[in-house]
Amino acid sequence: MHGRGFHGPWGGPFAGGIRPRRIRRFIEPALLLLLHQGPNHGYGLAEGLRRLGLGDYPADLSGIYRILRDLEEMGMVTSQWDTEHAGGPPRRVYRITPAGEDYLRSWVEELRATEAVLRRFLDAYETHLGESTDQ
């Protein structure tokens, strides 16, 4: 049968899985959080994303650099070349700006509100089905 078929909430054909479409946007606050902890370079930030459980997004270092470039154009971070580190070629070191700190705070506020909505949804689901989602 031809037709539109059922599409899941993330726009693609539903195949029983979830594909988070906004994970790229979530990389922005994750990078800002890491930079709030201190200046860092691309490889260090990639490692920080892995520690936060976001190691697969973006899939390559060039994706991280694209997002950092976007954040820099938005005034959320600054960067400069570090030519004095021991061993290896110069590397670009990123720092969060005051505007980036404000942007990070607004993300945290939004995430807290989203967390509350998700908790209510999961509680309702558990009540309805009589099961716990804590596994």
N, C-alpha and C. Protein backbone atom coordinates (compact mmCIF):
# COMPACT_ATOMS: atom_id res chain seq x y z
N MET A 1 0.85 -1.17 0.00
CA MET A 1 0.00 0.00 0.00
C MET A 1 0.89 1.23 0.00
N HIS A 2 0.60 2.13 -0.91
CA HIS A 2 1.36 3.37 -0.99
C HIS A 2 0.65 4.44 -0.20
N GLY A 3 1.39 5.36 0.29
CA GLY A 3 0.80 6.44 1.08
C GLY A 3 1.83 7.01 2.01
N ARG A 4 1.35 7.79 2.88
CA ARG A 4 2.24 8.50 3.78
C ARG A 4 2.83 7.59 4.84
N GLY A 5 2.06 6.64 5.34
CA GLY A 5 2.57 5.78 6.40
C GLY A 5 2.65 6.53 7.72
N PHE A 6 2.98 5.81 8.75
CA PHE A 6 3.08 6.42 10.07
C PHE A 6 4.48 6.95 10.27
N HIS A 7 4.55 8.17 10.70
CA HIS A 7 5.83 8.78 11.03
C HIS A 7 5.86 9.06 12.52
N GLY A 8 6.97 8.76 13.13
CA GLY A 8 7.14 9.00 14.56
C GLY A 8 7.28 10.48 14.86
N PRO A 9 7.38 10.81 16.13
CA PRO A 9 7.44 12.21 16.54
C PRO A 9 8.70 12.92 16.05
N TRP A 10 9.71 12.19 15.57
CA TRP A 10 10.93 12.83 15.10
C TRP A 10 10.96 12.93 13.59
N GLY A 11 9.82 12.74 12.93
CA GLY A 11 9.70 13.02 11.52
C GLY A 11 9.96 11.86 10.58
N GLY A 12 10.74 10.89 10.93
CA GLY A 12 11.05 9.79 10.04
C GLY A 12 10.07 8.65 10.22
N PRO A 13 10.14 7.68 9.33
CA PRO A 13 9.28 6.51 9.50
C PRO A 13 9.55 5.86 10.85
N PHE A 14 8.50 5.49 11.52
CA PHE A 14 8.66 4.89 12.84
C PHE A 14 9.16 3.47 12.69
N ALA A 15 10.29 3.20 13.32
CA ALA A 15 10.87 1.86 13.25
C ALA A 15 11.06 1.28 14.65
N GLY A 16 10.32 1.82 15.60
CA GLY A 16 10.42 1.31 16.95
C GLY A 16 11.54 1.93 17.77
N GLY A 17 12.27 2.83 17.19
CA GLY A 17 13.37 3.47 17.91
C GLY A 17 13.18 4.97 17.97
N ILE A 18 14.00 5.60 18.77
CA ILE A 18 13.92 7.05 18.91
C ILE A 18 15.18 7.65 18.33
N ARG A 19 15.00 8.67 17.52
CA ARG A 19 16.14 9.38 16.96
C ARG A 19 16.08 10.83 17.43
N PRO A 20 16.87 11.20 18.41
CA PRO A 20 16.81 12.57 18.91
C PRO A 20 17.28 13.56 17.85
N ARG A 21 16.39 14.41 17.37
CA ARG A 21 16.73 15.32 16.29
C ARG A 21 17.38 16.60 16.78
N ARG A 22 17.25 16.91 18.03
CA ARG A 22 17.80 18.16 18.52
C ARG A 22 19.10 17.97 19.30
N ILE A 23 19.74 16.83 19.14
CA ILE A 23 20.95 16.57 19.91
C ILE A 23 22.04 17.56 19.52
N ARG A 24 22.09 17.98 18.25
CA ARG A 24 23.10 18.96 17.84
C ARG A 24 22.93 20.23 18.65
N ARG A 25 21.70 20.67 18.81
CA ARG A 25 21.47 21.87 19.61
C ARG A 25 21.89 21.65 21.06
N PHE A 26 21.76 20.44 21.55
CA PHE A 26 22.15 20.15 22.93
C PHE A 26 23.67 20.17 23.09
N ILE A 27 24.39 19.97 22.01
CA ILE A 27 25.85 20.04 22.07
C ILE A 27 26.28 21.46 22.46
N GLU A 28 25.53 22.47 22.03
CA GLU A 28 25.88 23.86 22.37
C GLU A 28 26.00 24.07 23.88
N PRO A 29 24.95 23.77 24.67
CA PRO A 29 25.11 23.99 26.11
C PRO A 29 26.16 23.06 26.73
N ALA A 30 26.31 21.87 26.17
CA ALA A 30 27.32 20.95 26.70
C ALA A 30 28.72 21.55 26.51
N LEU A 31 28.98 22.10 25.33
CA LEU A 31 30.28 22.74 25.09
C LEU A 31 30.46 23.95 25.99
N LEU A 32 29.39 24.74 26.15
CA LEU A 32 29.47 25.91 27.02
C LEU A 32 29.75 25.50 28.47
N LEU A 33 29.12 24.43 28.93
CA LEU A 33 29.38 23.94 30.28
C LEU A 33 30.85 23.54 30.43
N LEU A 34 31.36 22.82 29.45
CA LEU A 34 32.77 22.41 29.50
C LEU A 34 33.69 23.62 29.50
N LEU A 35 33.36 24.64 28.71
CA LEU A 35 34.19 25.85 28.68
C LEU A 35 34.02 26.67 29.95
N HIS A 36 32.87 26.57 30.59
CA HIS A 36 32.68 27.25 31.87
C HIS A 36 33.62 26.66 32.92
N GLN A 37 33.94 25.39 32.76
CA GLN A 37 34.88 24.72 33.67
C GLN A 37 36.32 25.16 33.41
N GLY A 38 36.57 25.74 32.24
CA GLY A 38 37.90 26.26 31.92
C GLY A 38 38.15 26.24 30.43
N PRO A 39 39.08 27.08 29.96
CA PRO A 39 39.41 27.11 28.53
C PRO A 39 39.84 25.73 28.06
N ASN A 40 39.57 25.44 26.79
CA ASN A 40 39.90 24.11 26.27
C ASN A 40 40.01 24.17 24.76
N HIS A 41 40.56 23.12 24.19
CA HIS A 41 40.71 22.98 22.74
C HIS A 41 39.80 21.86 22.26
N GLY A 42 39.72 21.70 20.94
CA GLY A 42 38.78 20.76 20.35
C GLY A 42 38.86 19.34 20.88
N TYR A 43 40.07 18.79 20.95
CA TYR A 43 40.20 17.41 21.43
C TYR A 43 39.78 17.28 22.89
N GLY A 44 40.14 18.27 23.70
CA GLY A 44 39.72 18.26 25.10
C GLY A 44 38.22 18.35 25.24
N LEU A 45 37.59 19.16 24.38
CA LEU A 45 36.14 19.29 24.41
C LEU A 45 35.47 18.01 23.94
N ALA A 46 36.05 17.35 22.94
CA ALA A 46 35.49 16.07 22.48
C ALA A 46 35.52 15.04 23.61
N GLU A 47 36.61 15.02 24.36
CA GLU A 47 36.71 14.11 25.51
C GLU A 47 35.67 14.47 26.57
N GLY A 48 35.47 15.76 26.81
CA GLY A 48 34.45 16.19 27.76
C GLY A 48 33.06 15.77 27.34
N LEU A 49 32.77 15.86 26.03
CA LEU A 49 31.46 15.41 25.53
C LEU A 49 31.28 13.92 25.77
N ARG A 50 32.35 13.16 25.60
CA ARG A 50 32.27 11.71 25.87
C ARG A 50 31.95 11.47 27.35
N ARG A 51 32.58 12.23 28.24
CA ARG A 51 32.31 12.07 29.67
C ARG A 51 30.85 12.40 30.00
N LEU A 52 30.25 13.31 29.24
CA LEU A 52 28.84 13.66 29.45
C LEU A 52 27.89 12.69 28.75
N GLY A 53 28.43 11.69 28.08
CA GLY A 53 27.59 10.72 27.38
C GLY A 53 27.20 11.17 25.99
N LEU A 54 27.88 12.18 25.45
CA LEU A 54 27.54 12.72 24.13
C LEU A 54 28.65 12.47 23.12
N GLY A 55 29.42 11.43 23.32
CA GLY A 55 30.56 11.16 22.47
C GLY A 55 30.24 10.89 21.02
N ASP A 56 29.03 10.46 20.71
CA ASP A 56 28.67 10.16 19.33
C ASP A 56 28.09 11.35 18.59
N TYR A 57 27.89 12.45 19.27
CA TYR A 57 27.27 13.63 18.65
C TYR A 57 28.14 14.83 18.89
N PRO A 58 28.62 15.50 17.91
CA PRO A 58 28.64 15.07 16.51
C PRO A 58 29.62 13.93 16.33
N ALA A 59 29.51 13.27 15.19
CA ALA A 59 30.27 12.05 14.98
C ALA A 59 31.76 12.31 14.77
N ASP A 60 32.13 13.51 14.37
CA ASP A 60 33.54 13.78 14.13
C ASP A 60 33.95 15.13 14.72
N LEU A 61 35.23 15.32 14.84
CA LEU A 61 35.77 16.54 15.43
C LEU A 61 35.41 17.77 14.60
N SER A 62 35.29 17.59 13.28
CA SER A 62 34.94 18.75 12.44
C SER A 62 33.56 19.29 12.82
N GLY A 63 32.65 18.42 13.25
CA GLY A 63 31.33 18.88 13.70
C GLY A 63 31.43 19.73 14.95
N ILE A 64 32.31 19.35 15.87
CA ILE A 64 32.52 20.15 17.08
C ILE A 64 33.06 21.52 16.71
N TYR A 65 34.02 21.54 15.78
CA TYR A 65 34.60 22.82 15.36
C TYR A 65 33.56 23.70 14.66
N ARG A 66 32.67 23.11 13.90
CA ARG A 66 31.60 23.90 13.25
C ARG A 66 30.71 24.55 14.31
N ILE A 67 30.35 23.79 15.33
CA ILE A 67 29.50 24.33 16.39
C ILE A 67 30.25 25.42 17.16
N LEU A 68 31.52 25.19 17.44
CA LEU A 68 32.32 26.21 18.13
C LEU A 68 32.42 27.49 17.29
N ARG A 69 32.58 27.34 15.98
CA ARG A 69 32.63 28.50 15.09
C ARG A 69 31.30 29.26 15.13
N ASP A 70 30.19 28.51 15.12
CA ASP A 70 28.87 29.15 15.22
C ASP A 70 28.74 29.89 16.55
N LEU A 71 29.16 29.26 17.64
CA LEU A 71 29.09 29.90 18.96
C LEU A 71 29.97 31.14 19.00
N GLU A 72 31.10 31.08 18.32
CA GLU A 72 31.98 32.25 18.29
C GLU A 72 31.33 33.39 17.51
N GLU A 73 30.70 33.07 16.38
CA GLU A 73 30.00 34.09 15.60
C GLU A 73 28.86 34.71 16.39
N MET A 74 28.24 33.93 17.28
CA MET A 74 27.15 34.43 18.12
C MET A 74 27.67 35.21 19.33
N GLY A 75 28.98 35.22 19.55
CA GLY A 75 29.56 35.92 20.68
C GLY A 75 29.53 35.14 21.98
N MET A 76 29.28 33.83 21.90
CA MET A 76 29.19 33.00 23.10
C MET A 76 30.55 32.50 23.57
N VAL A 77 31.49 32.39 22.65
CA VAL A 77 32.85 31.97 22.98
C VAL A 77 33.84 32.83 22.20
N THR A 78 35.06 32.85 22.69
CA THR A 78 36.18 33.46 21.96
C THR A 78 37.23 32.38 21.80
N SER A 79 38.16 32.61 20.88
CA SER A 79 39.23 31.64 20.70
C SER A 79 40.51 32.37 20.32
N GLN A 80 41.61 31.70 20.60
CA GLN A 80 42.91 32.19 20.16
C GLN A 80 43.84 31.01 20.00
N TRP A 81 44.87 31.19 19.19
CA TRP A 81 45.82 30.12 18.96
C TRP A 81 46.80 30.03 20.12
N ASP A 82 47.00 28.82 20.61
CA ASP A 82 47.99 28.55 21.65
C ASP A 82 49.22 27.98 20.95
N THR A 83 50.27 28.78 20.89
CA THR A 83 51.49 28.33 20.22
C THR A 83 52.56 27.93 21.21
N GLU A 84 52.25 27.99 22.50
CA GLU A 84 53.27 27.76 23.52
C GLU A 84 53.11 26.43 24.27
N HIS A 85 52.12 25.60 23.90
CA HIS A 85 51.98 24.32 24.61
C HIS A 85 53.08 23.36 24.16
N ALA A 86 53.47 22.49 25.05
CA ALA A 86 54.58 21.58 24.78
C ALA A 86 54.16 20.49 23.80
N GLY A 87 54.95 20.30 22.78
CA GLY A 87 54.74 19.20 21.85
C GLY A 87 53.53 19.38 20.96
N GLY A 88 53.73 19.28 19.68
CA GLY A 88 52.62 19.34 18.73
C GLY A 88 52.43 20.72 18.14
N PRO A 89 51.58 20.77 17.14
CA PRO A 89 51.31 22.03 16.45
C PRO A 89 50.47 22.98 17.31
N PRO A 90 50.39 24.25 16.92
CA PRO A 90 49.51 25.18 17.65
C PRO A 90 48.07 24.67 17.62
N ARG A 91 47.34 25.01 18.64
CA ARG A 91 45.93 24.60 18.69
C ARG A 91 45.09 25.79 19.13
N ARG A 92 43.84 25.77 18.69
CA ARG A 92 42.92 26.85 19.02
C ARG A 92 42.29 26.54 20.37
N VAL A 93 42.37 27.51 21.28
CA VAL A 93 41.81 27.35 22.62
C VAL A 93 40.59 28.25 22.74
N TYR A 94 39.51 27.69 23.24
CA TYR A 94 38.22 28.38 23.35
C TYR A 94 37.94 28.75 24.79
N ARG A 95 37.26 29.91 24.95
CA ARG A 95 36.84 30.39 26.28
C ARG A 95 35.39 30.86 26.17
N ILE A 96 34.65 30.66 27.24
CA ILE A 96 33.27 31.15 27.28
C ILE A 96 33.28 32.65 27.57
N THR A 97 32.33 33.37 26.99
CA THR A 97 32.18 34.81 27.23
C THR A 97 31.05 35.03 28.23
N PRO A 98 30.90 36.26 28.75
CA PRO A 98 29.74 36.53 29.60
C PRO A 98 28.41 36.24 28.88
N ALA A 99 28.33 36.55 27.58
CA ALA A 99 27.11 36.22 26.83
C ALA A 99 26.90 34.71 26.78
N GLY A 100 27.99 33.96 26.66
CA GLY A 100 27.90 32.50 26.66
C GLY A 100 27.44 31.97 28.00
N GLU A 101 27.88 32.61 29.09
CA GLU A 101 27.42 32.21 30.42
C GLU A 101 25.92 32.45 30.57
N ASP A 102 25.44 33.59 30.05
CA ASP A 102 24.00 33.87 30.09
C ASP A 102 23.23 32.85 29.26
N TYR A 103 23.74 32.51 28.08
CA TYR A 103 23.10 31.54 27.20
C TYR A 103 23.06 30.16 27.88
N LEU A 104 24.14 29.79 28.55
CA LEU A 104 24.18 28.52 29.28
C LEU A 104 23.13 28.51 30.38
N ARG A 105 23.02 29.61 31.14
CA ARG A 105 22.00 29.68 32.20
C ARG A 105 20.60 29.53 31.62
N SER A 106 20.33 30.16 30.48
CA SER A 106 18.99 30.04 29.88
C SER A 106 18.73 28.60 29.43
N TRP A 107 19.76 27.92 28.92
CA TRP A 107 19.61 26.51 28.56
C TRP A 107 19.28 25.67 29.78
N VAL A 108 19.98 25.93 30.89
CA VAL A 108 19.75 25.16 32.11
C VAL A 108 18.32 25.36 32.60
N GLU A 109 17.84 26.60 32.56
CA GLU A 109 16.45 26.87 32.96
C GLU A 109 15.47 26.09 32.08
N GLU A 110 15.71 26.10 30.78
CA GLU A 110 14.83 25.37 29.85
C GLU A 110 14.91 23.87 30.09
N LEU A 111 16.11 23.36 30.32
CA LEU A 111 16.27 21.92 30.59
C LEU A 111 15.57 21.51 31.87
N ARG A 112 15.62 22.36 32.89
CA ARG A 112 14.91 22.05 34.14
C ARG A 112 13.41 22.00 33.91
N ALA A 113 12.88 22.93 33.13
CA ALA A 113 11.45 22.92 32.82
C ALA A 113 11.09 21.66 32.02
N THR A 114 11.94 21.31 31.06
CA THR A 114 11.72 20.10 30.25
C THR A 114 11.79 18.86 31.12
N GLU A 115 12.74 18.84 32.05
CA GLU A 115 12.87 17.70 32.96
C GLU A 115 11.58 17.51 33.77
N ALA A 116 10.97 18.61 34.22
CA ALA A 116 9.73 18.52 35.00
C ALA A 116 8.60 17.94 34.14
N VAL A 117 8.51 18.38 32.89
CA VAL A 117 7.48 17.86 31.99
C VAL A 117 7.71 16.38 31.74
N LEU A 118 8.95 16.00 31.48
CA LEU A 118 9.26 14.59 31.25
C LEU A 118 8.95 13.73 32.47
N ARG A 119 9.24 14.24 33.65
CA ARG A 119 8.96 13.49 34.87
C ARG A 119 7.46 13.28 35.02
N ARG A 120 6.65 14.33 34.76
CA ARG A 120 5.19 14.17 34.84
C ARG A 120 4.70 13.15 33.82
N PHE A 121 5.24 13.20 32.61
CA PHE A 121 4.87 12.24 31.58
C PHE A 121 5.21 10.82 32.02
N LEU A 122 6.43 10.61 32.50
CA LEU A 122 6.84 9.27 32.91
C LEU A 122 6.04 8.78 34.11
N ASP A 123 5.73 9.67 35.04
CA ASP A 123 4.90 9.29 36.19
C ASP A 123 3.51 8.85 35.72
N ALA A 124 2.93 9.60 34.78
CA ALA A 124 1.61 9.24 34.25
C ALA A 124 1.67 7.90 33.52
N TYR A 125 2.73 7.69 32.75
CA TYR A 125 2.92 6.43 32.04
C TYR A 125 3.03 5.27 33.03
N GLU A 126 3.84 5.43 34.06
CA GLU A 126 4.01 4.38 35.06
C GLU A 126 2.70 4.09 35.78
N THR A 127 1.95 5.13 36.12
CA THR A 127 0.67 4.95 36.79
C THR A 127 -0.30 4.20 35.89
N HIS A 128 -0.36 4.60 34.63
CA HIS A 128 -1.28 3.98 33.68
C HIS A 128 -0.94 2.52 33.43
N LEU A 129 0.31 2.22 33.26
CA LEU A 129 0.71 0.85 32.93
C LEU A 129 1.13 0.03 34.14
N GLY A 130 1.21 0.67 35.28
CA GLY A 130 1.58 -0.05 36.49
C GLY A 130 2.99 -0.58 36.48
N GLU A 131 3.89 0.16 35.85
CA GLU A 131 5.28 -0.27 35.82
C GLU A 131 6.20 0.91 36.08
N SER A 132 7.40 0.60 36.42
CA SER A 132 8.40 1.64 36.69
C SER A 132 9.32 1.77 35.49
N THR A 133 9.67 3.02 35.15
CA THR A 133 10.64 3.24 34.07
C THR A 133 12.06 3.23 34.59
N ASP A 134 12.23 3.17 35.91
CA ASP A 134 13.57 3.12 36.49
C ASP A 134 14.07 1.69 36.38
N GLN A 135 14.91 1.44 35.42
CA GLN A 135 15.43 0.08 35.22
C GLN A 135 16.92 0.07 35.31
